[in-house]
Each structure stands twice: as structure tokens, then as C-alpha cells.
Amino acid sequence: MNKDKENILIEVSGLKKYFPIIKGIFRQTVGQIKAVDNINFKIKAGETLGLVGESGCGKSTAGKSILRLLEPTEGNIKINIHKSLKLDHKSSKIDITKLTSKDLKKLRQEIQ
């Protein structure tokens, strides 16, 4: 296995979070607000990522989507978990978007 791939702690690819615009007497969706649109990044062990931008540009929404405090509209969030974290997965690299609420709760207690 490639040593670089082992050092990746988190990999976010194609992350999107859209909020529906609902109008009218029948509460129909007439459009979407693209709060986060196609974010991609990797963080390796020992690296730090800073997310900067203007007020209202989607920084908090991106963070909440990565933690699944908000459900992402689309994308993958893969995290390399420590072996001591007892989740219902055999691999140490898991896709957060596919976790059960039980496993997600355990994971959130470990990542901050």
C-alpha cells in the first residue's frame, strides 16, 4: 500500500449541500440555494486546513456537513479512524456518509 494513502486522515470529495427554496400555497420547491458546491480536499497526518471566506459563503455549512450535523446533498467523506474506536466496520477507512446514527454518535465523540 502507498505510504501517502496511509497518512490521509480525512478525504472529502464532491461535497455538496443544497437547501430547497419552497414557495406557494402548495409548498412546492422552486429552486435551491447552493450553500456548499463541490468541495474537495485531503488532510494528511500533521497537516492543518484553514477554511476562510466571506460571511455567508458556506464555511460553517461545510463543517456541519462533514460531521453530518447537516446531511450532505451529495459527496463522500472518508476518514481514517483509530483502531480503538469500536465501530461496526472492519476497515479503518470509512465513509462517514454511510454510517448508522449509532456509529456516527461514537465517531462524533472522538473527532472535534
N, C-alpha and C. Protein backbone atom coordinates (compact mmCIF):
# COMPACT_ATOMS: atom_id res chain seq x y z
N MET A 1 0.84 -1.19 0.00
CA MET A 1 0.00 0.00 0.00
C MET A 1 0.88 1.25 0.00
N ASN A 2 0.46 2.25 -0.71
CA ASN A 2 1.17 3.50 -0.81
C ASN A 2 1.20 4.21 0.54
N LYS A 3 2.39 4.62 0.99
CA LYS A 3 2.56 5.28 2.30
C LYS A 3 1.77 6.57 2.38
N ASP A 4 1.66 7.31 1.26
CA ASP A 4 0.88 8.56 1.23
C ASP A 4 -0.58 8.32 1.56
N LYS A 5 -1.15 7.25 1.04
CA LYS A 5 -2.57 6.95 1.28
C LYS A 5 -2.81 6.60 2.74
N GLU A 6 -1.83 5.99 3.40
CA GLU A 6 -1.97 5.63 4.81
C GLU A 6 -2.02 6.87 5.69
N ASN A 7 -1.36 7.94 5.28
CA ASN A 7 -1.28 9.15 6.08
C ASN A 7 -2.48 10.07 5.94
N ILE A 8 -3.39 9.77 5.04
CA ILE A 8 -4.56 10.63 4.85
C ILE A 8 -5.55 10.39 5.98
N LEU A 9 -5.83 11.45 6.76
CA LEU A 9 -6.77 11.34 7.88
C LEU A 9 -8.20 11.52 7.43
N ILE A 10 -8.42 12.48 6.52
CA ILE A 10 -9.76 12.74 6.02
C ILE A 10 -9.67 13.13 4.55
N GLU A 11 -10.62 12.62 3.78
CA GLU A 11 -10.69 12.93 2.36
C GLU A 11 -12.14 13.27 2.01
N VAL A 12 -12.34 14.49 1.57
CA VAL A 12 -13.68 14.96 1.19
C VAL A 12 -13.69 15.13 -0.32
N SER A 13 -14.68 14.51 -0.97
CA SER A 13 -14.75 14.63 -2.43
C SER A 13 -16.19 14.86 -2.88
N GLY A 14 -16.35 15.88 -3.69
CA GLY A 14 -17.65 16.20 -4.28
C GLY A 14 -18.71 16.59 -3.27
N LEU A 15 -18.31 17.20 -2.15
CA LEU A 15 -19.28 17.55 -1.11
C LEU A 15 -20.18 18.69 -1.56
N LYS A 16 -21.48 18.43 -1.47
CA LYS A 16 -22.48 19.44 -1.82
C LYS A 16 -23.55 19.48 -0.74
N LYS A 17 -24.03 20.68 -0.44
CA LYS A 17 -25.17 20.84 0.45
C LYS A 17 -26.06 21.92 -0.14
N TYR A 18 -27.24 21.49 -0.58
CA TYR A 18 -28.22 22.40 -1.16
C TYR A 18 -29.43 22.47 -0.24
N PHE A 19 -29.99 23.66 -0.12
CA PHE A 19 -31.21 23.87 0.65
C PHE A 19 -32.34 24.23 -0.31
N PRO A 20 -33.50 23.60 -0.17
CA PRO A 20 -34.61 23.89 -1.09
C PRO A 20 -35.23 25.26 -0.83
N ILE A 21 -35.67 25.91 -1.90
CA ILE A 21 -36.46 27.14 -1.82
C ILE A 21 -37.91 26.72 -2.03
N ILE A 22 -38.71 26.88 -0.99
CA ILE A 22 -40.10 26.42 -1.03
C ILE A 22 -41.02 27.64 -1.02
N LYS A 23 -41.94 27.67 -1.98
CA LYS A 23 -42.87 28.80 -2.11
C LYS A 23 -44.26 28.31 -2.45
N GLY A 24 -45.20 29.21 -2.31
CA GLY A 24 -46.56 28.97 -2.77
C GLY A 24 -47.45 28.28 -1.76
N ILE A 25 -48.71 28.28 -2.10
CA ILE A 25 -49.72 27.70 -1.24
C ILE A 25 -49.56 26.19 -1.09
N PHE A 26 -48.99 25.54 -2.12
CA PHE A 26 -48.79 24.10 -2.08
C PHE A 26 -47.38 23.71 -1.62
N ARG A 27 -46.62 24.71 -1.17
CA ARG A 27 -45.28 24.48 -0.62
C ARG A 27 -44.40 23.68 -1.59
N GLN A 28 -44.32 24.14 -2.82
CA GLN A 28 -43.52 23.46 -3.83
C GLN A 28 -42.10 24.00 -3.82
N THR A 29 -41.16 23.12 -4.13
CA THR A 29 -39.76 23.51 -4.27
C THR A 29 -39.60 24.19 -5.63
N VAL A 30 -39.15 25.45 -5.60
CA VAL A 30 -39.00 26.22 -6.84
C VAL A 30 -37.53 26.44 -7.21
N GLY A 31 -36.65 26.03 -6.35
CA GLY A 31 -35.22 26.20 -6.62
C GLY A 31 -34.40 25.69 -5.46
N GLN A 32 -33.09 25.94 -5.53
CA GLN A 32 -32.18 25.50 -4.48
C GLN A 32 -31.14 26.56 -4.20
N ILE A 33 -30.76 26.67 -2.93
CA ILE A 33 -29.63 27.50 -2.54
C ILE A 33 -28.43 26.57 -2.42
N LYS A 34 -27.41 26.84 -3.18
CA LYS A 34 -26.20 26.01 -3.16
C LYS A 34 -25.24 26.57 -2.11
N ALA A 35 -25.41 26.10 -0.87
CA ALA A 35 -24.58 26.58 0.23
C ALA A 35 -23.15 26.06 0.13
N VAL A 36 -23.00 24.81 -0.27
CA VAL A 36 -21.70 24.18 -0.50
C VAL A 36 -21.81 23.45 -1.83
N ASP A 37 -20.88 23.73 -2.73
CA ASP A 37 -20.99 23.16 -4.07
C ASP A 37 -19.66 22.59 -4.54
N ASN A 38 -19.51 21.28 -4.38
CA ASN A 38 -18.38 20.53 -4.91
C ASN A 38 -17.04 20.87 -4.23
N ILE A 39 -16.95 20.62 -2.94
CA ILE A 39 -15.71 20.81 -2.19
C ILE A 39 -14.90 19.52 -2.23
N ASN A 40 -13.61 19.64 -2.46
CA ASN A 40 -12.69 18.50 -2.47
C ASN A 40 -11.42 18.88 -1.71
N PHE A 41 -10.99 18.03 -0.79
CA PHE A 41 -9.70 18.23 -0.12
C PHE A 41 -9.30 16.95 0.61
N LYS A 42 -8.00 16.88 0.94
CA LYS A 42 -7.43 15.79 1.74
C LYS A 42 -6.59 16.44 2.84
N ILE A 43 -6.64 15.84 4.02
CA ILE A 43 -5.79 16.29 5.12
C ILE A 43 -4.97 15.08 5.56
N LYS A 44 -3.66 15.23 5.52
CA LYS A 44 -2.76 14.16 5.95
C LYS A 44 -2.37 14.38 7.41
N ALA A 45 -1.85 13.34 8.03
CA ALA A 45 -1.39 13.42 9.41
C ALA A 45 -0.37 14.55 9.53
N GLY A 46 -0.54 15.40 10.53
CA GLY A 46 0.38 16.51 10.76
C GLY A 46 0.02 17.78 10.02
N GLU A 47 -0.95 17.73 9.12
CA GLU A 47 -1.37 18.91 8.37
C GLU A 47 -2.53 19.62 9.06
N THR A 48 -2.66 20.89 8.75
CA THR A 48 -3.77 21.70 9.24
C THR A 48 -4.44 22.34 8.04
N LEU A 49 -5.77 22.40 8.06
CA LEU A 49 -6.51 23.04 6.99
C LEU A 49 -7.24 24.24 7.54
N GLY A 50 -7.10 25.37 6.90
CA GLY A 50 -7.85 26.57 7.26
C GLY A 50 -8.87 26.86 6.17
N LEU A 51 -10.09 27.08 6.57
CA LEU A 51 -11.16 27.39 5.63
C LEU A 51 -11.56 28.84 5.85
N VAL A 52 -11.31 29.68 4.87
CA VAL A 52 -11.58 31.11 5.01
C VAL A 52 -12.52 31.58 3.90
N GLY A 53 -13.24 32.64 4.19
CA GLY A 53 -14.13 33.20 3.20
C GLY A 53 -15.03 34.24 3.84
N GLU A 54 -15.79 34.90 3.00
CA GLU A 54 -16.69 35.94 3.47
C GLU A 54 -17.81 35.35 4.30
N SER A 55 -18.45 36.20 5.06
CA SER A 55 -19.61 35.80 5.84
C SER A 55 -20.69 35.27 4.91
N GLY A 56 -21.25 34.11 5.25
CA GLY A 56 -22.33 33.54 4.45
C GLY A 56 -21.89 32.74 3.24
N CYS A 57 -20.59 32.44 3.14
CA CYS A 57 -20.13 31.73 1.94
C CYS A 57 -20.18 30.21 2.07
N GLY A 58 -20.53 29.67 3.26
CA GLY A 58 -20.70 28.23 3.40
C GLY A 58 -19.67 27.52 4.26
N LYS A 59 -18.82 28.26 4.98
CA LYS A 59 -17.79 27.63 5.81
C LYS A 59 -18.42 26.75 6.90
N SER A 60 -19.36 27.29 7.65
CA SER A 60 -20.00 26.53 8.73
C SER A 60 -20.83 25.38 8.17
N THR A 61 -21.51 25.62 7.07
CA THR A 61 -22.31 24.56 6.45
C THR A 61 -21.41 23.42 5.99
N ALA A 62 -20.23 23.73 5.46
CA ALA A 62 -19.28 22.69 5.06
C ALA A 62 -18.86 21.87 6.27
N GLY A 63 -18.51 22.54 7.36
CA GLY A 63 -18.09 21.84 8.57
C GLY A 63 -19.20 20.97 9.14
N LYS A 64 -20.40 21.50 9.20
CA LYS A 64 -21.54 20.73 9.72
C LYS A 64 -21.87 19.55 8.81
N SER A 65 -21.69 19.72 7.52
CA SER A 65 -21.95 18.63 6.58
C SER A 65 -20.90 17.53 6.72
N ILE A 66 -19.65 17.92 6.95
CA ILE A 66 -18.58 16.93 7.13
C ILE A 66 -18.84 16.08 8.37
N LEU A 67 -19.35 16.70 9.43
CA LEU A 67 -19.68 15.97 10.66
C LEU A 67 -21.05 15.31 10.61
N ARG A 68 -21.78 15.57 9.53
CA ARG A 68 -23.15 15.10 9.32
C ARG A 68 -24.11 15.64 10.37
N LEU A 69 -23.82 16.83 10.87
CA LEU A 69 -24.81 17.55 11.66
C LEU A 69 -25.89 18.05 10.71
N LEU A 70 -25.49 18.31 9.48
CA LEU A 70 -26.40 18.54 8.35
C LEU A 70 -26.12 17.42 7.36
N GLU A 71 -27.16 16.82 6.81
CA GLU A 71 -26.95 15.76 5.83
C GLU A 71 -26.48 16.36 4.51
N PRO A 72 -25.34 15.90 3.99
CA PRO A 72 -24.88 16.39 2.69
C PRO A 72 -25.86 16.00 1.59
N THR A 73 -26.00 16.86 0.60
CA THR A 73 -26.82 16.55 -0.57
C THR A 73 -26.13 15.49 -1.41
N GLU A 74 -24.80 15.58 -1.46
CA GLU A 74 -24.02 14.67 -2.30
C GLU A 74 -22.58 14.69 -1.82
N GLY A 75 -21.83 13.64 -2.16
CA GLY A 75 -20.40 13.61 -1.88
C GLY A 75 -20.00 12.48 -0.96
N ASN A 76 -18.69 12.33 -0.81
CA ASN A 76 -18.10 11.31 0.06
C ASN A 76 -17.18 11.97 1.07
N ILE A 77 -17.22 11.45 2.29
CA ILE A 77 -16.36 11.94 3.36
C ILE A 77 -15.72 10.71 3.97
N LYS A 78 -14.48 10.45 3.62
CA LYS A 78 -13.78 9.27 4.12
C LYS A 78 -12.81 9.70 5.21
N ILE A 79 -12.84 8.96 6.30
CA ILE A 79 -12.00 9.29 7.44
C ILE A 79 -11.26 8.03 7.87
N ASN A 80 -10.01 8.21 8.25
CA ASN A 80 -9.19 7.11 8.73
C ASN A 80 -9.32 7.09 10.25
N ILE A 81 -10.05 6.12 10.79
CA ILE A 81 -10.32 6.09 12.22
C ILE A 81 -9.28 5.27 12.97
N HIS A 82 -9.12 5.57 14.23
CA HIS A 82 -8.21 4.83 15.10
C HIS A 82 -8.81 3.47 15.42
N LYS A 83 -7.98 2.46 15.53
CA LYS A 83 -8.45 1.10 15.78
C LYS A 83 -9.20 0.96 17.10
N SER A 84 -8.92 1.84 18.07
CA SER A 84 -9.57 1.74 19.38
C SER A 84 -11.04 2.15 19.32
N LEU A 85 -11.42 2.88 18.27
CA LEU A 85 -12.82 3.29 18.11
C LEU A 85 -13.61 2.10 17.59
N LYS A 86 -14.51 1.60 18.38
CA LYS A 86 -15.23 0.36 18.06
C LYS A 86 -16.49 0.67 17.24
N LEU A 87 -16.34 0.68 15.94
CA LEU A 87 -17.47 0.86 15.04
C LEU A 87 -17.77 -0.47 14.36
N ASP A 88 -18.93 -0.57 13.75
CA ASP A 88 -19.33 -1.79 13.06
C ASP A 88 -18.73 -1.88 11.67
N HIS A 89 -17.44 -1.57 11.55
CA HIS A 89 -16.74 -1.62 10.26
C HIS A 89 -15.43 -2.35 10.44
N LYS A 90 -15.06 -3.13 9.44
CA LYS A 90 -13.80 -3.88 9.52
C LYS A 90 -12.61 -3.03 9.11
N SER A 91 -12.81 -2.10 8.22
CA SER A 91 -11.73 -1.25 7.71
C SER A 91 -11.52 -0.05 8.63
N SER A 92 -10.30 0.47 8.66
CA SER A 92 -10.03 1.67 9.44
C SER A 92 -10.41 2.93 8.64
N LYS A 93 -10.62 2.79 7.33
CA LYS A 93 -11.03 3.92 6.49
C LYS A 93 -12.51 3.75 6.16
N ILE A 94 -13.33 4.69 6.64
CA ILE A 94 -14.77 4.56 6.44
C ILE A 94 -15.33 5.81 5.79
N ASP A 95 -16.46 5.65 5.14
CA ASP A 95 -17.17 6.77 4.54
C ASP A 95 -18.23 7.22 5.53
N ILE A 96 -18.07 8.41 6.08
CA ILE A 96 -18.98 8.93 7.10
C ILE A 96 -20.40 9.02 6.58
N THR A 97 -20.57 9.25 5.28
CA THR A 97 -21.92 9.40 4.72
C THR A 97 -22.72 8.11 4.78
N LYS A 98 -22.06 6.99 5.05
CA LYS A 98 -22.74 5.70 5.09
C LYS A 98 -22.89 5.13 6.51
N LEU A 99 -22.48 5.89 7.54
CA LEU A 99 -22.56 5.41 8.92
C LEU A 99 -23.99 5.43 9.45
N THR A 100 -24.27 4.49 10.34
CA THR A 100 -25.54 4.49 11.06
C THR A 100 -25.50 5.60 12.10
N SER A 101 -26.66 5.97 12.62
CA SER A 101 -26.69 7.03 13.63
C SER A 101 -25.94 6.61 14.90
N LYS A 102 -25.97 5.32 15.23
CA LYS A 102 -25.25 4.81 16.41
C LYS A 102 -23.74 4.99 16.23
N ASP A 103 -23.21 4.56 15.08
CA ASP A 103 -21.78 4.71 14.81
C ASP A 103 -21.38 6.17 14.66
N LEU A 104 -22.26 6.96 14.09
CA LEU A 104 -21.99 8.39 13.91
C LEU A 104 -21.85 9.08 15.27
N LYS A 105 -22.67 8.70 16.21
CA LYS A 105 -22.59 9.27 17.56
C LYS A 105 -21.25 8.94 18.22
N LYS A 106 -20.79 7.70 18.06
CA LYS A 106 -19.48 7.29 18.60
C LYS A 106 -18.35 8.08 17.95
N LEU A 107 -18.46 8.23 16.64
CA LEU A 107 -17.41 8.94 15.90
C LEU A 107 -17.33 10.40 16.30
N ARG A 108 -18.48 11.05 16.46
CA ARG A 108 -18.51 12.48 16.82
C ARG A 108 -17.85 12.73 18.17
N GLN A 109 -17.93 11.76 19.07
CA GLN A 109 -17.32 11.92 20.38
C GLN A 109 -15.80 11.92 20.27
N GLU A 110 -15.26 11.33 19.21
CA GLU A 110 -13.82 11.22 19.02
C GLU A 110 -13.22 12.35 18.19
N ILE A 111 -13.99 12.87 17.23
CA ILE A 111 -13.46 13.91 16.36
C ILE A 111 -14.00 15.26 16.79
N GLN A 112 -13.13 16.24 16.83
CA GLN A 112 -13.54 17.57 17.26
C GLN A 112 -12.86 18.61 16.39
